[in-house]
Amino acid sequence: MKKFLFVVLIILFYQSLFAQYDNYSAGAKSKALSDASLTFSNLWAVFNNQAAMAFSDNKAIGVFAENKFGLKELNTGALAFTYPLEKAGVLGLSIYSFNQSVLFSRQKFGLAYALKLGNNFSSGMQLNLIRSFTAEYGSEFSFCGEIGLYFKMNEKTSLGVHVFNPTSSRYNKSNNERIPTLMRIGLAYQISENSILLAELENSSINSFNFKGGLVYQISERLSMQASVKSYPFASAFGLEISTKKININLALQFHQVLDISPGISLDHYFEK
């Protein structure tokens, strides 16, 4: 009985936190970097900055799973797919699912498109269908969008800009719950042959500014590690990436000072051209 009450309280708490803060980022590498992932042009750009997809050359598909705070009631899952069109941009599909409990759950289905506007610059956009379920109101559906920009400033530096829900759409009309608008700007700088430094600022329509900083270190040709911190809510993260020509495996651990550890894993498959 005590465990059940604890789970209910955590779900209610995290439902509020999720509605106010999360922008549906996905991929274990992103989680290992505290979601400071605007400048990565990998498969998971379909969630984190659609503009960066334009620099993806291969078809790819991936799955992601995360367990929040060791509670099975707070599991998160995601599916990503990107498909480069010959000289006409890149298409992306994404599915995100959070918390399949009888109290609250949410799913997001996204269709994205990215296009290079030059050798070093690209833009992207995405349309999302969001299904929200609560025990009180049942299932309700809403739409929102995302837009992003990506710029390779030089060989060592890249910049990403992303806005989630620029139209201030709502989750549902029953309780007037707004989908937060999040504006993010991030910078990646290659400080050495094996190291990349990341910094990102985020501003939400509901919460204050959030700073995220991270480091990617290439240990060997097939192994790299990531470490990061963020300011709101304060947390740290660590991750490993094992990469081959066709498959990438990413592992992540996020450490919350109160709510415990959140492990995540993603598996990506890249098709040959």
Protein backbone atom coordinates (compact mmCIF):
# COMPACT_ATOMS: atom_id res chain seq x y z
CA MET A 1 0.00 0.00 0.00
CA LYS A 2 2.83 2.41 0.86
CA LYS A 3 4.53 1.69 -2.46
CA PHE A 4 1.28 2.33 -4.34
CA LEU A 5 0.79 5.71 -2.62
CA PHE A 6 4.40 6.62 -3.32
CA VAL A 7 4.01 5.77 -7.00
CA VAL A 8 0.82 7.86 -7.22
CA LEU A 9 2.56 10.86 -5.67
CA ILE A 10 5.55 10.54 -8.01
CA ILE A 11 3.26 10.23 -11.04
CA LEU A 12 1.29 13.31 -10.04
CA PHE A 13 4.51 15.23 -9.38
CA TYR A 14 6.16 14.15 -12.60
CA GLN A 15 3.00 14.78 -14.62
CA SER A 16 3.20 18.41 -13.54
CA LEU A 17 6.94 18.60 -14.18
CA PHE A 18 6.57 16.90 -17.56
CA ALA A 19 3.79 19.24 -18.70
CA GLN A 20 5.82 22.30 -17.71
CA TYR A 21 9.31 21.36 -18.81
CA ASP A 22 9.78 18.46 -21.20
CA ASN A 23 10.03 19.03 -24.95
CA TYR A 24 10.01 15.31 -25.82
CA SER A 25 13.74 14.99 -26.39
CA ALA A 26 14.90 11.42 -26.98
CA GLY A 27 17.96 9.29 -27.58
CA ALA A 28 20.36 8.06 -24.90
CA LYS A 29 23.20 10.26 -26.19
CA SER A 30 20.99 13.31 -25.77
CA LYS A 31 20.07 12.22 -22.23
CA ALA A 32 23.74 11.68 -21.38
CA LEU A 33 24.30 15.31 -22.41
CA SER A 34 21.33 16.62 -20.35
CA ASP A 35 19.53 17.23 -23.68
CA ALA A 36 22.18 19.67 -24.92
CA SER A 37 21.83 18.11 -28.36
CA LEU A 38 20.85 20.84 -30.82
CA THR A 39 24.07 20.48 -32.82
CA PHE A 40 24.05 16.71 -33.42
CA SER A 41 23.07 15.58 -36.92
CA ASN A 42 22.48 11.96 -35.93
CA LEU A 43 19.21 10.01 -36.16
CA TRP A 44 17.78 11.56 -32.99
CA ALA A 45 17.85 15.04 -34.49
CA VAL A 46 14.27 14.19 -35.53
CA PHE A 47 13.43 14.82 -31.85
CA ASN A 48 16.09 17.32 -30.78
CA ASN A 49 16.59 19.70 -33.74
CA GLN A 50 15.01 18.75 -37.04
CA ALA A 51 17.24 21.16 -39.00
CA ALA A 52 20.30 19.02 -38.22
CA MET A 53 18.67 16.07 -40.03
CA ALA A 54 19.56 17.75 -43.31
CA PHE A 55 23.16 16.63 -42.85
CA SER A 56 22.19 12.96 -42.44
CA ASP A 57 23.28 10.92 -45.46
CA ASN A 58 21.86 7.49 -44.59
CA LYS A 59 18.46 6.04 -43.88
CA ALA A 60 18.31 5.16 -40.20
CA ILE A 61 15.95 3.73 -37.60
CA GLY A 62 16.32 3.65 -33.84
CA VAL A 63 14.57 2.81 -30.59
CA PHE A 64 14.98 4.46 -27.20
CA ALA A 65 13.87 3.42 -23.72
CA GLU A 66 14.22 5.21 -20.41
CA ASN A 67 13.17 4.39 -16.86
CA LYS A 68 12.48 7.39 -14.64
CA PHE A 69 13.73 7.09 -11.06
CA GLY A 70 13.55 3.29 -11.02
CA LEU A 71 9.74 3.22 -11.32
CA LYS A 72 8.20 1.08 -14.07
CA GLU A 73 5.16 3.38 -14.00
CA LEU A 74 7.34 6.19 -15.42
CA ASN A 75 8.84 4.39 -18.40
CA THR A 76 9.49 6.34 -21.60
CA GLY A 77 9.90 4.91 -25.09
CA ALA A 78 10.60 6.42 -28.53
CA LEU A 79 11.03 5.39 -32.15
CA ALA A 80 12.88 7.47 -34.76
CA PHE A 81 13.23 7.10 -38.52
CA THR A 82 14.97 9.32 -41.08
CA TYR A 83 14.88 9.03 -44.86
CA PRO A 84 17.11 11.24 -47.05
CA LEU A 85 15.51 12.32 -50.31
CA GLU A 86 17.86 12.64 -53.27
CA LYS A 87 18.83 16.33 -53.40
CA ALA A 88 15.48 17.26 -51.81
CA GLY A 89 16.04 17.22 -48.08
CA VAL A 90 15.40 14.63 -45.37
CA LEU A 91 12.10 13.25 -44.03
CA GLY A 92 11.73 12.13 -40.44
CA LEU A 93 9.14 10.18 -38.45
CA SER A 94 9.01 9.99 -34.67
CA ILE A 95 6.86 8.35 -31.99
CA TYR A 96 7.18 9.15 -28.30
CA SER A 97 5.36 7.48 -25.40
CA PHE A 98 5.43 8.42 -21.73
CA ASN A 99 3.90 6.63 -18.75
CA GLN A 100 1.32 3.99 -19.62
CA SER A 101 -0.40 4.11 -16.20
CA VAL A 102 -4.15 4.26 -15.57
CA LEU A 103 -3.71 7.77 -14.14
CA PHE A 104 -1.81 9.58 -16.88
CA SER A 105 -0.10 8.90 -20.21
CA ARG A 106 1.01 10.90 -23.22
CA GLN A 107 2.08 10.05 -26.77
CA LYS A 108 3.49 12.27 -29.51
CA PHE A 109 3.56 11.42 -33.24
CA GLY A 110 5.73 13.65 -35.42
CA LEU A 111 6.37 14.20 -39.14
CA ALA A 112 9.51 16.24 -39.90
CA TYR A 113 11.29 17.73 -42.90
CA ALA A 114 14.75 19.29 -43.14
CA LEU A 115 16.50 21.02 -46.04
CA LYS A 116 20.01 22.34 -46.64
CA LEU A 117 19.97 26.01 -47.56
CA GLY A 118 23.70 26.05 -48.31
CA ASN A 119 26.83 24.01 -47.67
CA ASN A 120 26.83 24.92 -43.97
CA PHE A 121 23.25 25.95 -43.16
CA SER A 122 19.92 24.14 -42.87
CA SER A 123 16.39 24.55 -41.55
CA GLY A 124 13.78 22.08 -40.37
CA MET A 125 10.22 21.83 -39.16
CA GLN A 126 7.90 19.26 -37.63
CA LEU A 127 4.16 18.81 -37.09
CA ASN A 128 3.11 16.86 -34.00
CA LEU A 129 -0.07 15.09 -32.95
CA ILE A 130 -0.21 14.68 -29.17
CA ARG A 131 -2.56 12.32 -27.34
CA SER A 132 -3.06 12.97 -23.64
CA PHE A 133 -4.88 10.59 -21.32
CA THR A 134 -5.94 11.29 -17.74
CA ALA A 135 -8.23 9.29 -15.51
CA GLU A 136 -10.39 12.40 -15.07
CA TYR A 137 -10.81 13.54 -18.71
CA GLY A 138 -9.99 10.45 -20.79
CA SER A 139 -8.21 10.85 -24.15
CA GLU A 140 -7.79 14.24 -25.84
CA PHE A 141 -5.77 15.23 -28.91
CA SER A 142 -3.86 18.36 -29.86
CA PHE A 143 -1.46 19.63 -32.53
CA CYS A 144 1.72 21.65 -32.21
CA GLY A 145 4.79 22.40 -34.29
CA GLU A 146 8.56 22.73 -34.06
CA ILE A 147 11.07 24.74 -36.09
CA GLY A 148 14.85 24.68 -36.08
CA LEU A 149 18.01 26.09 -37.64
CA TYR A 150 21.48 24.58 -37.87
CA PHE A 151 24.69 26.35 -38.89
CA LYS A 152 28.24 25.00 -39.27
CA MET A 153 30.14 28.17 -38.46
CA ASN A 154 33.56 26.64 -39.23
CA GLU A 155 35.37 23.31 -38.96
CA LYS A 156 35.27 23.38 -35.16
CA THR A 157 32.11 25.26 -34.27
CA SER A 158 28.41 24.62 -34.94
CA LEU A 159 25.25 26.40 -33.78
CA GLY A 160 21.70 25.13 -33.31
CA VAL A 161 18.45 27.02 -32.66
CA HIS A 162 15.12 25.36 -31.95
CA VAL A 163 11.60 26.46 -30.94
CA PHE A 164 9.08 23.95 -29.66
CA ASN A 165 5.39 24.93 -29.94
CA PRO A 166 5.81 28.48 -31.34
CA THR A 167 2.01 28.77 -31.72
CA SER A 168 1.28 28.31 -27.98
CA SER A 169 -1.05 25.36 -28.57
CA ARG A 170 -2.86 23.64 -25.69
CA TYR A 171 -2.82 20.03 -24.58
CA ASN A 172 -6.58 20.02 -24.13
CA LYS A 173 -9.52 22.34 -23.65
CA SER A 174 -10.96 20.63 -20.58
CA ASN A 175 -8.48 22.05 -18.06
CA ASN A 176 -6.86 24.72 -20.27
CA GLU A 177 -3.44 23.09 -19.99
CA ARG A 178 -1.00 24.81 -22.31
CA ILE A 179 1.82 23.06 -24.11
CA PRO A 180 4.93 24.99 -23.02
CA THR A 181 6.79 26.99 -25.64
CA LEU A 182 10.53 26.33 -25.40
CA MET A 183 13.24 28.34 -27.12
CA ARG A 184 16.72 26.84 -27.22
CA ILE A 185 20.09 27.91 -28.58
CA GLY A 186 23.15 25.68 -28.42
CA LEU A 187 26.80 25.80 -29.40
CA ALA A 188 29.29 22.99 -29.98
CA TYR A 189 33.03 23.62 -30.08
CA GLN A 190 35.70 21.02 -30.85
CA ILE A 191 38.40 21.84 -28.31
CA SER A 192 40.71 19.05 -29.44
CA GLU A 193 40.85 16.18 -31.90
CA ASN A 194 38.99 13.92 -29.44
CA SER A 195 36.85 16.38 -27.43
CA ILE A 196 33.73 18.45 -28.09
CA LEU A 197 32.42 21.02 -25.62
CA LEU A 198 28.67 21.78 -25.59
CA ALA A 199 26.69 24.66 -24.11
CA GLU A 200 22.98 25.37 -24.40
CA LEU A 201 20.48 27.89 -23.05
CA GLU A 202 16.76 27.16 -22.84
CA ASN A 203 13.87 29.44 -21.97
CA SER A 204 10.36 28.13 -21.30
CA SER A 205 7.08 30.03 -21.38
CA ILE A 206 6.43 28.61 -17.89
CA ASN A 207 9.84 28.23 -16.21
CA SER A 208 13.01 30.27 -15.88
CA PHE A 209 16.18 29.92 -17.94
CA ASN A 210 17.94 26.59 -17.97
CA PHE A 211 21.65 26.12 -18.71
CA LYS A 212 23.06 22.82 -19.97
CA GLY A 213 26.70 22.01 -20.47
CA GLY A 214 28.41 18.84 -21.60
CA LEU A 215 31.55 17.20 -22.91
CA VAL A 216 31.98 14.44 -25.50
CA TYR A 217 35.28 12.57 -25.43
CA GLN A 218 36.27 10.07 -28.15
CA ILE A 219 38.12 7.29 -26.34
CA SER A 220 38.75 5.21 -29.45
CA GLU A 221 37.40 4.84 -32.98
CA ARG A 222 34.33 2.95 -31.72
CA LEU A 223 33.92 4.18 -28.16
CA SER A 224 33.10 7.60 -26.76
CA MET A 225 31.83 8.96 -23.46
CA GLN A 226 29.66 11.91 -22.49
CA ALA A 227 29.23 13.86 -19.25
CA SER A 228 27.00 16.85 -18.50
CA VAL A 229 25.06 18.99 -16.01
CA LYS A 230 21.96 21.16 -16.20
CA SER A 231 20.66 23.85 -13.89
CA TYR A 232 16.85 23.32 -13.83
CA PRO A 233 16.04 21.00 -12.30
CA PHE A 234 19.66 20.51 -11.25
CA ALA A 235 20.94 17.14 -12.44
CA SER A 236 24.01 15.50 -13.89
CA ALA A 237 24.39 12.76 -16.50
CA PHE A 238 26.89 10.33 -17.95
CA GLY A 239 26.88 8.11 -21.02
CA LEU A 240 28.77 5.79 -23.34
CA GLU A 241 28.46 5.29 -27.10
CA ILE A 242 29.58 2.16 -28.96
CA SER A 243 29.52 2.68 -32.71
CA THR A 244 30.06 0.51 -35.77
CA LYS A 245 29.39 1.12 -39.46
CA LYS A 246 25.73 0.12 -39.17
CA ILE A 247 24.78 0.07 -35.48
CA ASN A 248 25.20 2.53 -32.61
CA ILE A 249 24.50 1.63 -28.98
CA ASN A 250 24.13 4.45 -26.46
CA LEU A 251 23.79 4.10 -22.70
CA ALA A 252 22.91 6.95 -20.35
CA LEU A 253 22.47 7.58 -16.62
CA GLN A 254 20.86 10.77 -15.33
CA PHE A 255 21.29 11.60 -11.64
CA HIS A 256 18.60 13.68 -9.89
CA GLN A 257 19.53 14.95 -6.44
CA VAL A 258 16.16 13.92 -4.95
CA LEU A 259 14.38 11.43 -7.21
CA ASP A 260 17.26 9.00 -7.90
CA ILE A 261 18.73 7.60 -11.14
CA SER A 262 17.13 7.43 -14.61
CA PRO A 263 18.86 4.93 -16.94
CA GLY A 264 18.33 5.03 -20.71
CA ILE A 265 19.40 3.08 -23.78
CA SER A 266 19.05 3.59 -27.52
CA LEU A 267 19.86 1.31 -30.45
CA ASP A 268 20.34 2.85 -33.91
CA HIS A 269 20.66 1.08 -37.24
CA TYR A 270 22.07 2.92 -40.27
CA PHE A 271 21.29 1.50 -43.71
CA GLU A 272 23.79 1.48 -46.52
CA LYS A 273 23.30 4.06 -49.26
